[in-house]
Protein backbone atom coordinates (compact mmCIF):
# COMPACT_ATOMS: atom_id res chain seq x y z
CA MET A 1 137.35 83.92 81.28
CA HIS A 2 135.03 81.62 83.24
CA VAL A 3 134.52 82.84 86.82
CA PRO A 4 133.19 80.23 89.28
CA SER A 5 129.76 81.03 90.66
CA TYR A 6 131.15 81.07 94.21
CA LEU A 7 133.68 83.80 93.39
CA LEU A 8 132.35 87.36 93.46
CA LYS A 9 133.93 90.81 93.22
CA ASN A 10 132.51 93.82 95.07
CA SER A 11 132.41 97.43 93.88
CA PHE A 12 135.89 98.01 95.34
CA GLY A 13 137.41 95.19 93.29
CA ILE A 14 137.86 92.86 96.28
CA TYR A 15 137.01 89.21 95.65
CA HIS A 16 134.71 87.28 98.00
CA LEU A 17 133.74 83.66 98.46
CA ARG A 18 129.99 83.12 98.47
CA LEU A 19 128.46 79.71 99.12
CA ALA A 20 124.88 78.62 99.75
CA VAL A 21 124.32 76.71 103.01
CA PRO A 22 122.23 73.54 102.62
CA LYS A 23 118.71 74.09 103.93
CA LYS A 24 118.85 71.53 106.73
CA LEU A 25 122.10 73.02 108.07
CA ARG A 26 121.01 76.67 108.00
CA TYR A 27 119.78 76.61 111.58
CA LEU A 28 123.44 76.16 112.64
CA PHE A 29 124.51 79.29 110.81
CA GLY A 30 121.50 81.59 111.04
CA ARG A 31 121.88 82.38 107.35
CA ARG A 32 121.35 81.04 103.86
CA GLU A 33 124.87 81.59 102.65
CA ILE A 34 128.48 82.03 103.71
CA LYS A 35 130.28 85.08 102.44
CA LYS A 36 133.96 85.72 103.25
CA SER A 37 136.38 88.29 101.95
CA LEU A 38 139.43 86.87 100.17
CA GLN A 39 141.23 90.21 100.68
CA THR A 40 142.71 90.39 97.20
CA ARG A 41 142.04 92.07 93.87
CA SER A 42 144.04 89.47 91.98
CA TYR A 43 141.83 86.99 90.15
CA ARG A 44 144.43 84.23 90.25
CA GLU A 45 145.07 84.63 93.95
CA ALA A 46 141.34 84.87 94.68
CA LEU A 47 140.68 81.73 92.66
CA ARG A 48 143.31 79.82 94.62
CA LYS A 49 142.04 80.99 98.03
CA ALA A 50 138.38 80.52 97.09
CA TRP A 51 138.98 76.99 95.84
CA LYS A 52 140.57 75.97 99.15
CA LEU A 53 137.84 77.54 101.27
CA ALA A 54 135.04 76.27 99.05
CA THR A 55 136.43 72.75 99.17
CA PHE A 56 136.65 72.91 102.95
CA TYR A 57 133.07 74.12 103.38
CA LEU A 58 131.56 71.69 100.89
CA GLU A 59 133.33 68.74 102.52
CA SER A 60 132.20 69.98 105.95
CA PHE A 61 128.60 70.27 104.78
CA GLU A 62 128.72 66.74 103.45
CA LYS A 63 130.18 65.32 106.68
CA MET A 64 127.68 67.18 108.86
CA ALA A 65 124.76 65.97 106.76
CA LYS A 66 125.93 62.35 106.96
CA THR A 67 126.66 62.26 110.69
CA ASN A 68 124.66 59.36 112.11
CA ASP A 69 124.25 60.90 115.54
CA TYR A 70 123.05 64.13 113.98
CA GLU A 71 120.43 62.39 111.87
CA LYS A 72 119.33 60.24 114.80
CA LEU A 73 118.95 63.17 117.15
CA ILE A 74 117.19 65.36 114.62
CA ASN A 75 114.73 62.63 113.61
CA ASP A 76 114.13 61.24 117.09
CA PRO A 77 110.43 61.93 117.89
CA LEU A 78 111.43 62.37 121.54
CA ASN A 79 113.15 65.61 120.58
CA GLN A 80 110.32 67.23 118.68
CA LYS A 81 109.51 69.54 121.59
CA LEU A 82 112.89 71.23 121.37
CA LYS A 83 112.59 74.78 120.00
CA VAL A 84 115.66 76.95 119.73
CA ASN A 85 117.21 79.70 117.66
CA ILE A 86 120.96 79.30 117.21
CA VAL A 87 122.56 82.67 116.51
CA ARG A 88 126.15 83.76 115.97
CA ARG A 89 128.11 86.77 117.18
CA PRO A 90 130.80 88.52 115.13
CA ASP A 91 133.48 87.04 117.43
CA GLY A 92 132.52 83.54 116.28
CA ASN A 93 130.67 82.48 119.43
CA ILE A 94 127.05 81.40 119.46
CA GLU A 95 124.16 81.19 121.87
CA PHE A 96 120.74 79.60 121.97
CA GLN A 97 117.86 82.07 122.08
CA ASN A 98 114.15 81.52 122.76
CA LEU A 99 114.96 78.04 124.01
CA GLU A 100 112.08 75.71 124.89
CA MET A 101 112.96 72.29 126.34
CA ASP A 102 110.96 69.35 127.60
CA PRO A 103 112.03 68.99 131.27
CA ASP A 104 111.42 65.23 131.10
CA LYS A 105 113.96 64.82 128.29
CA ALA A 106 116.53 67.50 129.10
CA ASP A 107 119.50 65.12 128.85
CA ILE A 108 118.56 63.95 125.38
CA GLU A 109 117.94 67.47 124.20
CA LYS A 110 121.20 68.60 125.73
CA ASP A 111 122.97 66.03 123.58
CA LEU A 112 121.34 67.52 120.52
CA LEU A 113 122.49 71.01 121.44
CA ASP A 114 126.01 69.79 122.18
CA HIS A 115 126.13 68.11 118.80
CA ALA A 116 124.92 71.26 117.07
CA VAL A 117 127.69 73.27 118.74
CA GLU A 118 130.29 70.66 117.81
CA CYS A 119 129.26 70.71 114.15
CA TYR A 120 129.11 74.47 114.16
CA ASN A 121 132.60 74.86 115.61
CA LYS A 122 134.07 72.44 113.06
CA VAL A 123 133.01 74.71 110.26
CA GLN A 124 133.66 78.01 112.02
CA ALA A 125 137.15 76.87 113.02
CA VAL A 126 138.41 77.44 109.47
CA PRO A 127 140.69 80.52 109.56
CA VAL A 128 139.22 83.51 107.78
CA ILE A 129 141.97 84.95 105.62
CA GLY A 130 143.75 87.57 107.67
CA GLN A 131 141.95 86.60 110.91
CA SER A 132 142.40 84.12 113.72
CA PRO A 133 140.13 81.09 114.07
CA ALA A 134 136.84 81.50 115.85
CA THR A 135 136.71 80.58 119.52
CA PRO A 136 134.95 77.26 120.17
CA VAL A 137 131.76 77.38 122.22
CA ALA A 138 131.31 75.53 125.46
CA ILE A 139 127.78 74.70 126.65
CA PRO A 140 127.32 73.98 130.35
CA HIS A 141 125.84 70.57 131.24
CA GLN A 142 122.66 71.76 132.90
CA PRO A 143 119.10 71.08 131.79
CA GLN A 144 118.73 74.75 130.94
CA VAL A 145 121.17 76.51 128.67
CA ALA A 146 122.75 79.58 130.21
CA GLN A 147 122.89 82.92 128.42
CA ALA A 148 125.98 82.82 126.25
CA THR A 149 127.59 85.04 123.70
CA THR A 150 125.49 85.35 120.59
CA GLY A 151 125.26 86.61 117.08
CA SER A 152 123.45 86.10 113.86
CA MET A 153 123.47 87.53 110.42
CA SER A 154 124.30 91.21 110.63
CA LEU A 155 121.83 93.86 109.53
CA ALA A 156 123.97 94.90 106.56
CA GLU A 157 124.29 91.27 105.45
CA LEU A 158 120.53 90.82 105.66
CA VAL A 159 119.97 93.98 103.60
CA HIS A 160 122.46 92.73 100.99
CA GLU A 161 120.75 89.34 100.71
CA TYR A 162 117.27 90.88 100.63
CA LEU A 163 118.19 93.25 97.81
CA ASP A 164 119.68 90.34 95.86
CA GLU A 165 116.37 88.53 96.30
CA LEU A 166 114.42 91.56 95.03
CA LYS A 167 116.49 91.93 91.87
CA GLY A 168 114.45 89.28 90.13
CA HIS A 169 111.21 91.12 90.89
CA CYS A 170 112.00 94.86 90.84
CA ASP A 171 113.70 97.27 88.48
CA SER A 172 117.03 98.95 89.26
CA ARG A 173 115.44 102.22 90.36
CA THR A 174 113.29 100.46 92.94
CA ILE A 175 116.29 98.46 94.17
CA ASN A 176 118.31 101.67 94.59
CA ASN A 177 115.48 103.28 96.56
CA TYR A 178 115.18 100.24 98.83
CA ALA A 179 118.95 100.22 99.35
CA ALA A 180 119.06 103.90 100.36
CA GLN A 181 116.15 103.53 102.77
CA LEU A 182 117.45 100.34 104.39
CA ASP A 183 121.01 101.65 104.62
CA THR A 184 119.59 104.49 106.72
CA PHE A 185 118.57 101.91 109.34
CA VAL A 186 122.01 100.31 109.18
CA GLU A 187 123.44 103.74 109.93
CA ILE A 188 120.97 104.37 112.76
CA LEU A 189 121.16 100.94 114.42
CA GLY A 190 124.71 100.00 113.43
CA ASP A 191 125.69 96.82 111.62
CA VAL A 192 124.55 94.69 114.55
CA PRO A 193 123.34 91.08 114.62
CA ILE A 194 119.68 91.09 113.63
CA SER A 195 118.85 88.94 116.66
CA THR A 196 119.75 91.88 118.92
CA ILE A 197 117.22 94.25 117.32
CA ASP A 198 114.20 94.16 119.59
CA ARG A 199 111.09 96.29 119.97
CA LYS A 200 112.91 98.85 122.10
CA ARG A 201 115.64 99.40 119.53
CA ALA A 202 113.06 99.57 116.78
CA ARG A 203 111.25 102.37 118.59
CA GLU A 204 114.53 104.20 119.16
CA SER A 205 115.35 104.01 115.44
CA LEU A 206 111.90 105.41 114.59
CA LYS A 207 112.47 108.31 116.97
CA ILE A 208 115.77 109.13 115.25
CA LEU A 209 114.27 108.72 111.79
CA LYS A 210 111.65 111.36 112.57
CA GLN A 211 114.43 113.87 113.35
CA LEU A 212 116.23 113.52 110.01
CA PRO A 213 115.91 116.08 107.22
CA PRO A 214 114.58 115.06 103.79
CA ASN A 215 117.15 114.21 101.10
CA ARG A 216 120.00 114.61 103.59
CA ASN A 217 122.53 112.94 101.27
CA LYS A 218 121.83 115.59 98.61
CA SER A 219 121.98 118.52 101.02
CA LYS A 220 125.14 120.64 101.09
CA ILE A 221 124.63 121.08 104.82
CA PHE A 222 123.99 117.50 105.91
CA LYS A 223 125.47 115.12 103.33
CA ASP A 224 128.91 114.84 104.97
CA LEU A 225 127.69 114.82 108.58
CA SER A 226 127.26 111.83 110.83
CA MET A 227 123.81 110.85 112.06
CA ALA A 228 124.63 112.11 115.56
CA SER A 229 125.79 115.48 114.24
CA ILE A 230 122.60 115.90 112.21
CA ILE A 231 120.45 115.18 115.26
CA GLN A 232 122.42 117.71 117.30
CA LEU A 233 121.77 120.38 114.68
CA ALA A 234 118.01 119.74 115.06
CA PRO A 235 116.99 120.47 111.44
CA SER A 236 113.95 122.72 111.18
CA LYS A 237 112.60 120.67 108.25
CA VAL A 238 112.34 116.92 108.77
CA MET A 239 111.01 114.04 106.71
CA SER A 240 107.26 114.04 106.24
CA PRO A 241 105.11 111.47 108.06
CA THR A 242 104.42 109.86 104.68
CA THR A 243 108.15 109.40 104.02
CA VAL A 244 108.75 108.05 107.53
CA LYS A 245 105.91 105.61 106.97
CA LEU A 246 107.55 104.45 103.74
CA TYR A 247 110.87 103.85 105.50
CA ILE A 248 109.15 101.80 108.19
CA GLU A 249 107.39 99.75 105.52
CA ARG A 250 110.79 98.96 103.99
CA ILE A 251 112.40 97.80 107.24
CA THR A 252 109.25 95.86 108.16
CA GLY A 253 109.44 94.08 104.81
CA LEU A 254 113.11 93.31 105.43
CA PHE A 255 112.38 91.58 108.74
CA GLN A 256 109.39 89.79 107.28
CA TYR A 257 111.84 88.31 104.78
CA ALA A 258 114.12 87.34 107.70
CA ILE A 259 111.19 85.52 109.34
CA THR A 260 110.40 83.69 106.10
CA GLU A 261 114.02 82.55 105.87
CA GLU A 262 113.93 81.53 109.57
CA TYR A 263 116.68 83.95 110.61
CA VAL A 264 114.47 85.48 113.31
CA VAL A 265 111.10 84.58 114.80
CA LYS A 266 109.63 88.04 115.40
CA ASN A 267 109.41 91.28 113.46
CA PRO A 268 110.26 94.16 115.84
CA PHE A 269 108.97 96.79 113.39
CA VAL A 270 105.41 95.53 112.90
CA ASN A 271 102.94 98.33 113.72
CA ILE A 272 105.77 100.36 115.24
CA ASN A 273 104.57 103.60 113.66
CA LYS A 274 101.05 103.69 115.01
CA GLU A 275 100.02 107.32 114.99
CA LYS A 276 96.59 108.86 115.05
CA GLN A 277 95.50 109.57 111.51
CA THR A 278 94.94 113.31 111.08
CA ARG A 279 93.81 112.97 107.47
CA ARG A 280 91.81 110.42 105.54
CA PRO A 281 93.72 108.56 102.79
CA ASP A 282 91.78 110.47 100.11
CA GLU A 283 93.02 113.75 101.59
CA GLU A 284 96.72 112.96 101.25
CA ARG A 285 96.70 113.93 97.56
CA GLN A 286 94.59 116.78 96.20
CA ILE A 287 92.82 117.19 92.86
CA PHE A 288 93.25 120.11 90.50
CA GLU A 289 90.27 122.43 90.93
CA ASP A 290 88.87 124.39 87.97
CA GLU A 291 91.03 127.42 88.71
CA HIS A 292 94.12 125.21 88.79
CA LEU A 293 93.27 123.55 85.48
CA LYS A 294 92.54 126.87 83.80
CA ALA A 295 95.95 128.14 84.91
CA LEU A 296 97.80 125.01 83.82
CA PHE A 297 96.15 124.95 80.39
CA ASN A 298 96.02 128.69 79.84
CA PRO A 299 97.32 129.37 76.30
CA GLU A 300 99.63 132.12 77.56
CA ASN A 301 101.16 129.81 80.17
CA ARG A 302 101.32 126.97 77.64
CA LYS A 303 103.81 128.97 75.60
CA ASP A 304 106.35 127.51 78.03
CA ALA A 305 105.76 124.18 76.26
CA ALA A 306 106.58 125.58 72.81
CA GLY A 307 108.80 123.26 70.82
CA ARG A 308 108.44 120.40 73.29
CA GLU A 309 105.71 117.96 72.24
CA SER A 310 105.94 116.13 75.56
CA ARG A 311 105.11 119.27 77.54
CA TYR A 312 102.07 119.91 75.39
CA TRP A 313 100.60 116.40 75.18
CA ILE A 314 101.51 114.61 78.43
CA PRO A 315 99.36 116.80 80.74
CA LEU A 316 96.42 116.45 78.33
CA ILE A 317 96.79 112.67 78.12
CA ALA A 318 96.95 112.41 81.92
CA ALA A 319 93.91 114.63 82.38
CA TYR A 320 91.78 112.60 79.97
CA SER A 321 92.99 109.09 80.82
CA GLY A 322 94.40 108.95 84.36
CA LEU A 323 97.56 107.22 83.09
CA ARG A 324 100.65 107.42 85.28
CA LEU A 325 103.42 109.79 84.22
CA GLU A 326 105.94 107.05 83.42
CA GLU A 327 103.32 105.04 81.51
CA ILE A 328 102.92 108.03 79.18
CA ALA A 329 106.55 109.13 79.05
CA GLN A 330 107.94 105.72 78.04
CA MET A 331 105.25 105.02 75.47
CA GLU A 332 106.20 104.14 71.89
CA ALA A 333 104.20 105.35 68.90
CA SER A 334 103.31 101.70 68.22
CA ASP A 335 101.59 101.62 71.62
CA ILE A 336 98.77 103.69 70.11
CA VAL A 337 96.60 100.92 68.68
CA GLN A 338 93.22 100.59 67.03
CA ILE A 339 90.94 97.84 68.31
CA GLY A 340 87.85 97.66 66.14
CA ASP A 341 86.88 101.27 65.69
CA ILE A 342 88.42 102.40 69.01
CA PHE A 343 91.85 104.01 69.33
CA CYS A 344 93.57 102.98 72.59
CA PHE A 345 96.67 103.50 74.71
CA ASP A 346 98.28 100.05 74.96
CA ILE A 347 100.11 100.06 78.31
CA ASN A 348 102.59 97.18 78.27
CA GLY A 349 106.02 96.09 79.46
CA HIS A 350 107.50 95.42 76.00
CA ASN A 351 110.96 96.61 74.95
CA GLY A 352 112.16 97.33 78.46
CA LYS A 353 109.22 99.50 79.52
CA HIS A 354 108.41 99.47 83.23
CA LEU A 355 105.04 98.54 84.71
CA LYS A 356 104.18 99.33 88.31
CA ASN A 357 102.38 96.01 88.73
CA ALA A 358 100.72 93.23 86.75
CA THR A 359 97.38 95.05 86.52
CA ALA A 360 99.11 98.05 84.94
CA ASP A 361 99.18 96.07 81.67
CA ARG A 362 95.96 97.29 80.03
CA GLN A 363 94.33 99.07 77.09
CA VAL A 364 92.67 102.42 77.75
CA PRO A 365 90.46 104.08 75.09
CA ILE A 366 91.63 107.51 73.92
CA HIS A 367 89.23 110.32 74.82
CA SER A 368 87.45 112.05 71.95
CA LYS A 369 88.79 115.41 73.16
CA LEU A 370 92.33 114.25 72.33
CA LEU A 371 91.27 112.80 68.98
CA ALA A 372 89.51 116.05 68.08
CA ASN A 373 92.73 117.91 68.86
CA TYR A 374 94.57 116.01 66.09
CA PHE A 375 96.33 113.62 68.46
CA MET A 376 96.46 110.85 65.84
CA ILE A 377 98.23 113.17 63.36
CA PHE A 378 100.89 113.74 66.03
CA VAL A 379 101.14 109.96 66.55
CA GLN A 380 101.63 109.32 62.83
CA LYS A 381 104.62 111.66 62.82
CA GLN A 382 106.27 109.58 65.54
CA ARG A 383 105.88 106.17 63.90
CA GLY A 384 108.93 103.94 64.33
CA GLN A 385 110.15 105.66 67.50
CA ARG A 386 109.13 106.59 71.00
CA LEU A 387 106.05 108.79 71.24
CA PHE A 388 108.07 111.51 73.00
CA PRO A 389 111.67 111.25 71.75
CA ASP A 390 112.50 114.60 73.36
CA LEU A 391 112.42 112.90 76.78
CA THR A 392 115.70 111.41 78.00
CA LEU A 393 116.33 108.98 80.80
CA GLY A 394 116.86 110.34 84.27
CA ASN A 395 117.21 108.14 87.33
CA GLY A 396 116.14 105.23 85.13
CA ARG A 397 112.87 106.89 84.04
CA TYR A 398 111.79 108.87 80.99
CA GLY A 399 109.39 110.87 83.15
CA HIS A 400 112.05 112.00 85.65
CA HIS A 401 113.07 115.27 84.00
CA PHE A 402 109.51 115.97 82.89
CA SER A 403 108.34 115.67 86.50
CA LYS A 404 110.91 118.28 87.55
CA TRP A 405 109.79 120.59 84.74
CA PHE A 406 106.09 120.18 85.57
CA SER A 407 106.76 121.06 89.21
CA ARG A 408 108.43 124.32 88.13
CA TYR A 409 105.71 125.01 85.56
CA ARG A 410 102.92 124.38 88.06
CA LYS A 411 104.39 126.89 90.51
CA LYS A 412 104.94 129.38 87.71
CA CYS A 413 101.21 129.10 86.98
CA GLY A 414 100.44 129.85 90.63
CA VAL A 415 99.34 126.30 91.46
CA VAL A 416 101.28 125.94 94.68
CA GLU A 417 98.86 124.34 97.17
CA GLU A 418 100.18 121.44 99.24
CA GLY A 419 99.34 117.99 97.89
CA LEU A 420 99.17 119.03 94.24
CA THR A 421 101.51 117.13 91.93
CA PHE A 422 101.37 115.65 88.44
CA HIS A 423 99.82 112.59 90.07
CA SER A 424 96.80 114.77 90.91
CA PHE A 425 95.54 114.22 87.34
CA ARG A 426 94.86 110.57 88.28
CA HIS A 427 92.90 111.77 91.30
CA ASN A 428 90.90 114.10 89.07
CA VAL A 429 89.92 111.19 86.83
CA ALA A 430 89.14 108.88 89.76
CA THR A 431 87.06 111.59 91.47
CA GLN A 432 85.01 112.38 88.36
CA LEU A 433 84.22 108.71 87.78
CA LYS A 434 83.37 108.22 91.44
CA TYR A 435 80.93 111.13 91.37
CA ARG A 436 79.28 109.54 88.31
CA ASP A 437 78.79 106.24 90.20
CA VAL A 438 80.94 104.25 87.76
CA ASP A 439 81.46 100.59 88.69
CA VAL A 440 84.69 100.42 90.69
CA THR A 441 85.95 97.50 88.58
CA LYS A 442 85.80 99.66 85.45
CA VAL A 443 87.63 102.50 87.20
CA ALA A 444 90.28 99.99 88.30
CA ALA A 445 90.59 98.73 84.72
CA ILE A 446 91.27 102.27 83.49
CA LEU A 447 93.66 103.27 86.28
CA GLY A 448 95.47 99.93 86.40
CA HIS A 449 94.49 99.03 89.96
CA THR A 450 93.99 95.58 91.43
CA VAL A 451 90.40 94.39 91.92
CA ASP A 452 89.83 92.72 95.28
CA GLY A 453 87.69 89.61 95.59
CA GLN A 454 87.62 86.22 93.94
CA SER A 455 84.69 86.77 91.58
CA TYR A 456 86.13 89.70 89.62
CA GLY A 457 89.75 89.71 90.76
CA ARG A 458 90.57 86.11 89.85
CA TYR A 459 87.84 84.77 87.58
CA GLY A 460 86.58 87.85 85.75
CA LYS A 461 88.27 88.58 82.41
CA PRO A 462 89.54 92.10 81.55
CA TYR A 463 87.12 94.65 80.17
CA LYS A 464 87.27 95.25 76.43
CA PRO A 465 87.74 98.77 75.00
CA GLU A 466 84.07 98.97 74.00
CA HIS A 467 83.17 98.52 77.68
CA LEU A 468 85.51 101.29 78.80
CA ARG A 469 85.01 103.92 76.09
CA PRO A 470 81.71 105.20 77.59
CA VAL A 471 83.48 105.54 80.94
CA ILE A 472 86.41 107.48 79.48
CA GLU A 473 83.97 109.83 77.74
CA MET A 474 82.51 110.76 81.14
CA ILE A 475 85.70 112.69 81.92
CA ASP A 476 84.71 116.30 81.39
CA TYR A 477 86.45 119.52 82.48
CA GLY A 478 84.14 121.92 80.68
CA ASP A 479 86.13 124.84 79.30
CA ALA A 480 88.97 124.43 81.82
CA VAL A 481 90.94 122.01 79.58
CA LEU A 482 91.16 122.24 75.77
């Protein structure tokens, strides 16, 4: 069954009409697309309703684009000083915000605004199924436009469009995380027009965010409570400053997208979370000290890994390479390659594997400590399959369940200090190489980080394994590991 591209069905089975607005008409709508519920789960009925609405909109777009007066006013050099944001309220009315007019040409510019309203009302007058037509807008005939009712794309609509845009660049897990974080702001602020979210409201939302408990939707206490009820309970444990910072980065990115698409002109969340840094960036995550490593790799404690190859090898690989957990967990046996006389981990995005970024695609020499511990014999046994077939997907990642296990194992070993996680192995590697004055570009090549600067970042070619093997061999834990 062929479904027209303008006909969509949401998760509740309700069909919607979705049409892109031509670029030169978007300023009239404050959005890139029109989306209207057809209020039916029947495909045939939805097709009939969508066809009528789509035909109406497409014909309206064509008429508006061909209007001589419109083209004349838009292209008239006398009107180039006009600056205005046209935004729409949920009731169908519009207003002009941030209006700048040339006082010497107010009459001409007023004609342009009148024409914009006329064109807008022609399209908005179409009855939404199950609703009454929008109320036409009247603009007073004064040189300055009075404050009128307003509206623009709603916050939830912006989030929906933004996530659609990200789908071509991010994996499903990242999209789900973005959705959860941005939906929190929709809950805090309400599904209001984005034009109404100013600096004051942004600060208020940050204040509320800082009072919320972590993982509230998974908590038996908080998951069914409203935001107001949670605030009234004053949870003793709230989201960490790092998590709050991440949420603010998400909403800032959302409004940056809105600026790019010309839905708004300012980002109310930029630098909203300016707090005095109490710790340096390198203090946010800790390294495993010798006593930690001895506990984690103690043969008696390692009995917990018996029968699970992943639990034995993954911590060792991380300690002697600095690879990320998911880079190791998703690896296939064929990703262990020999280049010349050097065995390497080939980190790639083949066969559905996930890479954090473009620079994560790299080849890292395998440390001699691993090779001396019969790592290649283990690899040979896994040929034709994933390197760690005992790992299953969780939350879209092969490392998900392993991460949970390692957290329990670490605490069982008495390694409970704040800031210590599996990711600390990467910090151990980075710290050792830093103390040995290794060129930062070589460290970046091993860890999969971006190199800043034109000379090396853009023009320099990747290091070859023979360049990186001496660096890898500098990683040394004495008798604490292996």
